[in-house]
Amino acid sequence: MLDERKAAILQAVVEEYIETAQPVGSSAVASAAPVKVSSATIRSDMATLEAEGYLHQPHTSAGRVPTDKGYRHFVDAVGQASLGRPDSRKVNEFFRQMRGEIEDLMRDTAGLLSRLTDYAAVVVDHSAEAAAVRSFQLVSLTPDVALAVVVLATGVIEKHTIEWDAPVDGDDIDRISAVVAEAFDGRVLTEPDPLAPTGADHLDVMARSVVEVVSGQPVDPDRVYVDGASRVVGSFDAVDTVSQVLTILEQQLVVVSLMGDVLERGQSVAIGAETGVEPLEECSVVVSPYEIDGEAAGSIAVLGPTRMNYPQAMAAVAVVSRQLGRRLSEG
């Protein structure tokens, strides 16, 4: 544990480095730290912080920069800030006006979060697999082809093409649609109720085939929406780092696993090597889950450099996840 003075000095170094991206010297700390001590004392304490692994001196004559350990102490000590009033208004207005299908909402939410933080934003929706069916409709496209349209409680719309062995008229399509809709009503796709009889054996067979197609092709439980990948490019000097970060953002399975791992550890922030992903050792991730009707439904995150503005990023992620969950619960 750091004493109050060293903690204040470390906080000053972290905040200054986040702001300037330049190594921080004792003079900058002296003008920023709330603890008023001499420059000599500050230099001595900074040397101690370096020896204890909180700071690093990139060059002999340079100031210090925070290490992952230094950032971790800062995050744990300072915590989440309040989202500024202008940004709060943007979030409220966004969700008040948002309409359309769930995919559009998720994609636009990632865009909103990226604009708020100026980092890459990720929204993961893994609620669909356990979502109840709100409605089912079988629509005839041609006499031997129909389209099964499933609307889930989360707003996700699934479509499946059904091909018949022989032409089917509109009345029979309606009878099949009615019994299949009853079987799926309020159930998850993989667990429909038993089918009621249609009154015709050949239509019962066709109805069972529809259920097999729909329930046998459950929606992807992890729909991933990424926005703002280009925003993190300017945060890194090394071209290799930029390339690696962009590659990771394209590998959605890695991103989803990382977000899940952070939440499973009971954390909301992973810093540098804490991500467990070597190409992201110069990055940090801020994650928050969101809920639909009190049930875990997905998560959102921002990814940026380790020198990200943690209090503001944590506030933005927390507010947006809460609003997203509320919006989805309303349907």
Protein backbone atom coordinates (compact mmCIF):
# COMPACT_ATOMS: atom_id res chain seq x y z
CA MET A 1 0.00 0.00 0.00
CA LEU A 2 1.20 3.50 -0.80
CA ASP A 3 1.11 6.28 1.74
CA GLU A 4 -1.04 9.30 0.98
CA ARG A 5 1.77 11.42 -0.45
CA LYS A 6 3.13 8.77 -2.81
CA ALA A 7 -0.40 7.92 -3.92
CA ALA A 8 -1.03 11.60 -4.74
CA ILE A 9 2.22 11.81 -6.67
CA LEU A 10 1.42 8.65 -8.62
CA GLN A 11 -2.04 10.00 -9.43
CA ALA A 12 -0.50 13.24 -10.68
CA VAL A 13 1.93 11.35 -12.91
CA VAL A 14 -0.82 9.15 -14.36
CA GLU A 15 -3.17 12.06 -15.04
CA GLU A 16 -0.42 14.15 -16.63
CA TYR A 17 0.74 11.27 -18.81
CA ILE A 18 -2.82 10.51 -19.93
CA GLU A 19 -3.14 14.16 -20.93
CA THR A 20 0.21 14.68 -22.67
CA ALA A 21 1.58 11.23 -23.58
CA GLN A 22 4.99 12.59 -22.53
CA PRO A 23 7.19 11.37 -19.64
CA VAL A 24 6.33 13.33 -16.52
CA GLY A 25 8.96 15.20 -14.52
CA SER A 26 8.96 16.38 -10.92
CA SER A 27 8.13 19.98 -11.90
CA ALA A 28 4.87 18.90 -13.55
CA VAL A 29 3.99 16.85 -10.46
CA ALA A 30 4.81 19.77 -8.15
CA SER A 31 2.25 21.95 -9.90
CA ALA A 32 -0.41 19.25 -10.02
CA ALA A 33 -0.18 17.10 -6.90
CA PRO A 34 -2.43 18.14 -4.00
CA VAL A 35 0.34 17.32 -1.53
CA LYS A 36 2.64 20.34 -1.48
CA VAL A 37 6.22 19.22 -0.91
CA SER A 38 9.59 20.19 -2.34
CA SER A 39 10.76 19.06 -5.77
CA ALA A 40 13.53 17.10 -4.07
CA THR A 41 10.96 15.14 -2.06
CA ILE A 42 8.91 14.53 -5.19
CA ARG A 43 11.99 13.25 -7.04
CA SER A 44 12.79 10.96 -4.14
CA ASP A 45 9.25 9.61 -4.00
CA MET A 46 9.16 9.12 -7.77
CA ALA A 47 12.38 7.12 -7.52
CA THR A 48 10.75 4.98 -4.82
CA LEU A 49 7.65 4.50 -6.96
CA GLU A 50 9.89 3.40 -9.81
CA ALA A 51 11.75 0.95 -7.58
CA GLU A 52 8.41 -0.50 -6.43
CA GLY A 53 7.20 -0.98 -10.02
CA TYR A 54 4.60 1.79 -10.26
CA LEU A 55 6.61 4.02 -12.61
CA HIS A 56 9.14 3.53 -15.37
CA GLN A 57 11.84 5.87 -16.68
CA PRO A 58 12.18 5.31 -20.44
CA HIS A 59 15.45 7.28 -20.64
CA THR A 60 17.97 8.35 -18.03
CA SER A 61 17.26 12.06 -18.43
CA ALA A 62 13.51 11.66 -19.01
CA GLY A 63 10.64 11.86 -16.62
CA ARG A 64 8.59 8.85 -15.61
CA VAL A 65 5.63 7.04 -17.18
CA PRO A 66 3.17 4.75 -15.40
CA THR A 67 3.51 0.98 -15.57
CA ASP A 68 0.56 -1.42 -15.64
CA LYS A 69 0.91 -1.62 -11.85
CA GLY A 70 0.77 2.16 -11.64
CA TYR A 71 -2.35 2.32 -13.78
CA ARG A 72 -3.96 -0.43 -11.72
CA HIS A 73 -3.39 1.50 -8.49
CA PHE A 74 -4.79 4.62 -10.14
CA VAL A 75 -7.93 2.84 -11.37
CA ASP A 76 -8.57 1.16 -8.04
CA ALA A 77 -7.98 4.38 -6.09
CA VAL A 78 -9.75 6.91 -8.30
CA GLY A 79 -12.53 4.74 -9.69
CA GLN A 80 -15.31 5.83 -11.99
CA ALA A 81 -16.09 9.47 -12.63
CA SER A 82 -19.50 10.90 -13.47
CA LEU A 83 -20.29 11.27 -17.14
CA GLY A 84 -20.32 14.94 -18.06
CA ARG A 85 -23.65 16.63 -18.56
CA PRO A 86 -23.24 17.14 -22.36
CA ASP A 87 -22.34 13.47 -22.83
CA SER A 88 -25.19 12.38 -20.57
CA ARG A 89 -27.58 14.37 -22.74
CA LYS A 90 -26.17 12.69 -25.88
CA VAL A 91 -26.74 9.25 -24.39
CA ASN A 92 -30.28 10.03 -23.24
CA GLU A 93 -31.20 11.54 -26.59
CA PHE A 94 -29.69 8.61 -28.48
CA PHE A 95 -31.74 5.98 -26.66
CA ARG A 96 -34.88 8.12 -26.64
CA GLN A 97 -34.81 8.40 -30.44
CA MET A 98 -33.46 4.95 -31.28
CA ARG A 99 -35.83 2.79 -33.31
CA GLY A 100 -35.48 -0.15 -35.64
CA GLU A 101 -34.22 -3.70 -35.47
CA ILE A 102 -31.94 -4.95 -32.72
CA GLU A 103 -28.94 -5.19 -35.07
CA ASP A 104 -29.21 -1.49 -35.86
CA LEU A 105 -29.50 -0.60 -32.18
CA MET A 106 -26.41 -2.63 -31.26
CA ARG A 107 -24.37 -1.27 -34.14
CA ASP A 108 -25.36 2.31 -33.41
CA THR A 109 -24.66 1.82 -29.69
CA ALA A 110 -21.09 0.80 -30.52
CA GLY A 111 -20.80 3.97 -32.60
CA LEU A 112 -22.14 6.12 -29.77
CA LEU A 113 -19.70 4.64 -27.25
CA SER A 114 -16.77 5.11 -29.61
CA ARG A 115 -17.65 8.76 -30.14
CA LEU A 116 -18.03 9.36 -26.40
CA THR A 117 -14.61 7.92 -25.54
CA ASP A 118 -12.64 8.26 -28.78
CA TYR A 119 -11.64 4.59 -28.45
CA ALA A 120 -12.70 1.44 -30.24
CA ALA A 121 -16.04 0.17 -28.92
CA VAL A 122 -17.45 -3.35 -28.87
CA VAL A 123 -21.00 -4.52 -28.18
CA VAL A 124 -21.60 -8.25 -27.68
CA ASP A 125 -25.13 -9.62 -27.75
CA HIS A 126 -25.33 -13.17 -26.42
CA SER A 127 -28.95 -12.98 -25.34
CA ALA A 128 -30.59 -14.35 -28.44
CA GLU A 129 -30.04 -18.05 -27.75
CA ALA A 130 -32.04 -17.85 -24.52
CA ALA A 131 -34.57 -15.29 -25.75
CA ALA A 132 -38.22 -16.28 -25.96
CA VAL A 133 -40.05 -16.21 -29.27
CA ARG A 134 -42.40 -13.24 -29.53
CA SER A 135 -43.97 -14.14 -32.84
CA PHE A 136 -43.71 -16.62 -35.71
CA GLN A 137 -44.98 -16.26 -39.26
CA LEU A 138 -44.74 -18.54 -42.28
CA VAL A 139 -44.91 -16.60 -45.54
CA SER A 140 -45.35 -18.22 -48.95
CA LEU A 141 -42.79 -17.02 -51.51
CA THR A 142 -43.63 -19.49 -54.27
CA PRO A 143 -45.87 -22.58 -54.27
CA ASP A 144 -42.90 -24.74 -53.17
CA VAL A 145 -40.87 -22.23 -51.08
CA ALA A 146 -41.82 -20.43 -47.85
CA LEU A 147 -40.05 -18.07 -45.48
CA ALA A 148 -40.20 -18.66 -41.72
CA VAL A 149 -39.90 -15.35 -39.85
CA VAL A 150 -39.17 -15.49 -36.12
CA VAL A 151 -39.19 -12.42 -33.88
CA LEU A 152 -37.48 -12.87 -30.50
CA ALA A 153 -38.28 -10.98 -27.32
CA THR A 154 -35.01 -9.06 -27.69
CA GLY A 155 -36.13 -7.74 -31.09
CA VAL A 156 -33.86 -10.04 -33.10
CA ILE A 157 -35.49 -11.19 -36.34
CA GLU A 158 -34.52 -14.61 -37.70
CA LYS A 159 -35.43 -15.80 -41.21
CA HIS A 160 -35.29 -19.35 -42.54
CA THR A 161 -36.10 -20.59 -46.03
CA ILE A 162 -38.38 -23.65 -46.17
CA GLU A 163 -38.54 -25.74 -49.35
CA TRP A 164 -41.50 -28.06 -49.91
CA ASP A 165 -41.40 -31.32 -51.86
CA ALA A 166 -44.66 -30.33 -53.57
CA PRO A 167 -46.62 -27.11 -54.09
CA VAL A 168 -48.50 -25.84 -51.02
CA ASP A 169 -51.48 -23.48 -51.21
CA GLY A 170 -52.06 -20.43 -49.02
CA ASP A 171 -54.65 -22.03 -46.74
CA ASP A 172 -52.32 -24.90 -45.88
CA ILE A 173 -49.48 -22.44 -45.24
CA ASP A 174 -51.74 -20.62 -42.76
CA ARG A 175 -52.63 -23.88 -40.96
CA ILE A 176 -48.98 -24.90 -40.66
CA SER A 177 -48.00 -21.41 -39.54
CA ALA A 178 -50.67 -21.37 -36.82
CA VAL A 179 -49.59 -24.62 -35.13
CA VAL A 180 -45.89 -23.83 -35.38
CA ALA A 181 -46.49 -20.33 -33.94
CA GLU A 182 -48.37 -21.89 -31.03
CA ALA A 183 -45.52 -24.32 -30.36
CA PHE A 184 -42.91 -21.57 -30.29
CA ASP A 185 -44.94 -18.88 -28.50
CA GLY A 186 -43.06 -17.79 -25.37
CA ARG A 187 -40.49 -20.57 -25.79
CA VAL A 188 -36.83 -20.47 -26.79
CA LEU A 189 -36.07 -21.68 -30.29
CA THR A 190 -34.43 -24.89 -29.12
CA GLU A 191 -37.31 -25.88 -26.81
CA PRO A 192 -40.68 -25.58 -28.59
CA ASP A 193 -43.83 -27.11 -27.16
CA PRO A 194 -45.29 -30.22 -28.86
CA LEU A 195 -47.16 -29.45 -32.06
CA ALA A 196 -50.92 -29.47 -32.03
CA PRO A 197 -52.57 -31.46 -34.86
CA THR A 198 -53.34 -29.51 -38.02
CA GLY A 199 -56.16 -31.89 -38.95
CA ALA A 200 -54.20 -33.38 -41.87
CA ASP A 201 -51.38 -35.91 -41.59
CA HIS A 202 -49.35 -34.47 -44.48
CA LEU A 203 -49.55 -30.96 -42.94
CA ASP A 204 -48.45 -32.36 -39.57
CA VAL A 205 -45.36 -33.76 -41.27
CA MET A 206 -44.67 -30.41 -42.94
CA ALA A 207 -45.14 -28.54 -39.65
CA ARG A 208 -42.62 -30.84 -37.96
CA SER A 209 -40.15 -30.15 -40.76
CA VAL A 210 -40.55 -26.40 -40.19
CA VAL A 211 -39.87 -26.81 -36.47
CA GLU A 212 -36.80 -28.92 -37.22
CA VAL A 213 -35.40 -26.26 -39.54
CA VAL A 214 -36.07 -23.35 -37.19
CA SER A 215 -35.09 -25.00 -33.90
CA GLY A 216 -32.13 -26.77 -35.49
CA GLN A 217 -30.58 -23.47 -36.59
CA PRO A 218 -30.50 -21.38 -33.41
CA VAL A 219 -29.33 -17.82 -33.70
CA ASP A 220 -25.68 -17.10 -33.11
CA PRO A 221 -25.41 -16.43 -29.34
CA ASP A 222 -22.54 -14.03 -29.82
CA ARG A 223 -23.30 -11.21 -32.20
CA VAL A 224 -20.44 -8.74 -32.12
CA TYR A 225 -20.54 -5.12 -33.22
CA VAL A 226 -17.31 -3.10 -33.44
CA ASP A 227 -16.95 0.60 -34.14
CA GLY A 228 -14.12 3.10 -34.01
CA ALA A 229 -11.20 0.77 -34.75
CA SER A 230 -9.57 3.61 -36.66
CA ARG A 231 -9.82 5.85 -33.59
CA VAL A 232 -7.16 3.86 -31.70
CA VAL A 233 -4.63 4.10 -34.53
CA GLY A 234 -3.41 7.52 -33.47
CA SER A 235 -2.81 6.32 -29.91
CA PHE A 236 0.19 4.20 -30.83
CA ASP A 237 3.53 5.17 -32.32
CA ALA A 238 4.63 1.73 -33.51
CA VAL A 239 3.12 0.53 -36.79
CA ASP A 240 3.37 -3.07 -35.61
CA THR A 241 1.24 -2.29 -32.55
CA VAL A 242 -1.42 -0.61 -34.68
CA SER A 243 -1.52 -3.60 -37.03
CA GLN A 244 -1.81 -6.08 -34.17
CA VAL A 245 -4.58 -4.15 -32.44
CA LEU A 246 -6.61 -3.86 -35.65
CA THR A 247 -6.13 -7.58 -36.31
CA ILE A 248 -7.41 -8.47 -32.82
CA LEU A 249 -10.49 -6.28 -33.32
CA GLU A 250 -11.22 -8.23 -36.50
CA GLN A 251 -10.96 -11.53 -34.61
CA GLN A 252 -14.31 -11.36 -32.88
CA LEU A 253 -13.91 -14.62 -30.95
CA VAL A 254 -10.79 -13.24 -29.25
CA VAL A 255 -12.58 -10.02 -28.32
CA VAL A 256 -15.62 -11.86 -26.92
CA SER A 257 -13.40 -14.21 -24.90
CA LEU A 258 -11.38 -11.31 -23.52
CA MET A 259 -14.49 -9.44 -22.39
CA GLY A 260 -15.89 -12.58 -20.79
CA ASP A 261 -12.62 -13.30 -19.00
CA VAL A 262 -12.46 -9.81 -17.51
CA LEU A 263 -16.02 -10.04 -16.20
CA GLU A 264 -15.46 -13.55 -14.83
CA ARG A 265 -12.53 -12.21 -12.80
CA GLY A 266 -14.94 -9.75 -11.21
CA GLN A 267 -13.22 -6.80 -12.87
CA SER A 268 -14.38 -4.00 -15.10
CA VAL A 269 -10.92 -2.95 -16.33
CA ALA A 270 -8.04 -5.01 -17.73
CA ILE A 271 -4.76 -3.14 -18.13
CA GLY A 272 -1.93 -4.13 -20.45
CA ALA A 273 -0.73 -7.65 -19.70
CA GLU A 274 -3.86 -8.23 -17.59
CA THR A 275 -5.78 -8.75 -20.85
CA GLY A 276 -3.92 -12.02 -21.34
CA VAL A 277 -3.64 -11.24 -25.06
CA GLU A 278 -0.03 -10.53 -26.01
CA PRO A 279 -0.76 -8.16 -28.94
CA LEU A 280 -2.82 -6.03 -26.53
CA GLU A 281 -0.09 -5.51 -23.93
CA GLU A 282 -0.12 -1.79 -24.73
CA CYS A 283 -3.92 -1.62 -24.49
CA SER A 284 -6.56 -1.54 -21.81
CA VAL A 285 -10.16 -2.70 -21.92
CA VAL A 286 -13.09 -1.33 -19.92
CA VAL A 287 -16.07 -3.73 -19.82
CA SER A 288 -19.58 -3.68 -18.42
CA PRO A 289 -22.40 -6.23 -18.75
CA TYR A 290 -25.94 -5.22 -19.59
CA GLU A 291 -29.17 -6.91 -18.59
CA ILE A 292 -32.57 -7.42 -20.15
CA ASP A 293 -35.36 -7.73 -17.58
CA GLY A 294 -32.80 -8.46 -14.88
CA GLU A 295 -31.05 -11.24 -16.82
CA ALA A 296 -27.51 -11.01 -18.21
CA ALA A 297 -27.83 -10.43 -21.94
CA GLY A 298 -24.46 -9.19 -23.21
CA SER A 299 -21.63 -6.80 -22.60
CA ILE A 300 -20.08 -3.64 -23.98
CA ALA A 301 -16.49 -2.45 -23.88
CA VAL A 302 -14.02 0.12 -25.06
CA LEU A 303 -10.46 -0.71 -26.07
CA GLY A 304 -7.75 1.92 -26.09
CA PRO A 305 -4.14 2.56 -25.06
CA THR A 306 -3.03 1.89 -21.49
CA ARG A 307 -2.88 5.64 -21.03
CA MET A 308 -6.64 5.92 -21.63
CA ASN A 309 -8.75 8.26 -19.55
CA TYR A 310 -10.00 5.53 -17.23
CA PRO A 311 -12.51 7.48 -15.10
CA GLN A 312 -14.25 8.90 -18.17
CA ALA A 313 -14.16 5.60 -20.08
CA MET A 314 -15.57 3.71 -17.09
CA ALA A 315 -18.35 6.27 -16.71
CA ALA A 316 -19.28 6.12 -20.41
CA VAL A 317 -19.33 2.32 -20.47
CA ALA A 318 -21.41 2.12 -17.29
CA VAL A 319 -24.01 4.66 -18.45
CA VAL A 320 -24.35 3.24 -21.95
CA SER A 321 -24.66 -0.36 -20.70
CA ARG A 322 -27.36 0.67 -18.25
CA GLN A 323 -29.30 2.61 -20.89
CA LEU A 324 -28.93 -0.19 -23.44
CA GLY A 325 -30.31 -2.73 -20.99
CA ARG A 326 -33.23 -0.46 -20.16
CA ARG A 327 -34.00 0.16 -23.83
CA LEU A 328 -33.95 -3.57 -24.66
CA SER A 329 -36.11 -4.40 -21.64
CA GLU A 330 -38.74 -1.99 -22.92
CA GLY A 331 -38.78 -3.88 -26.23
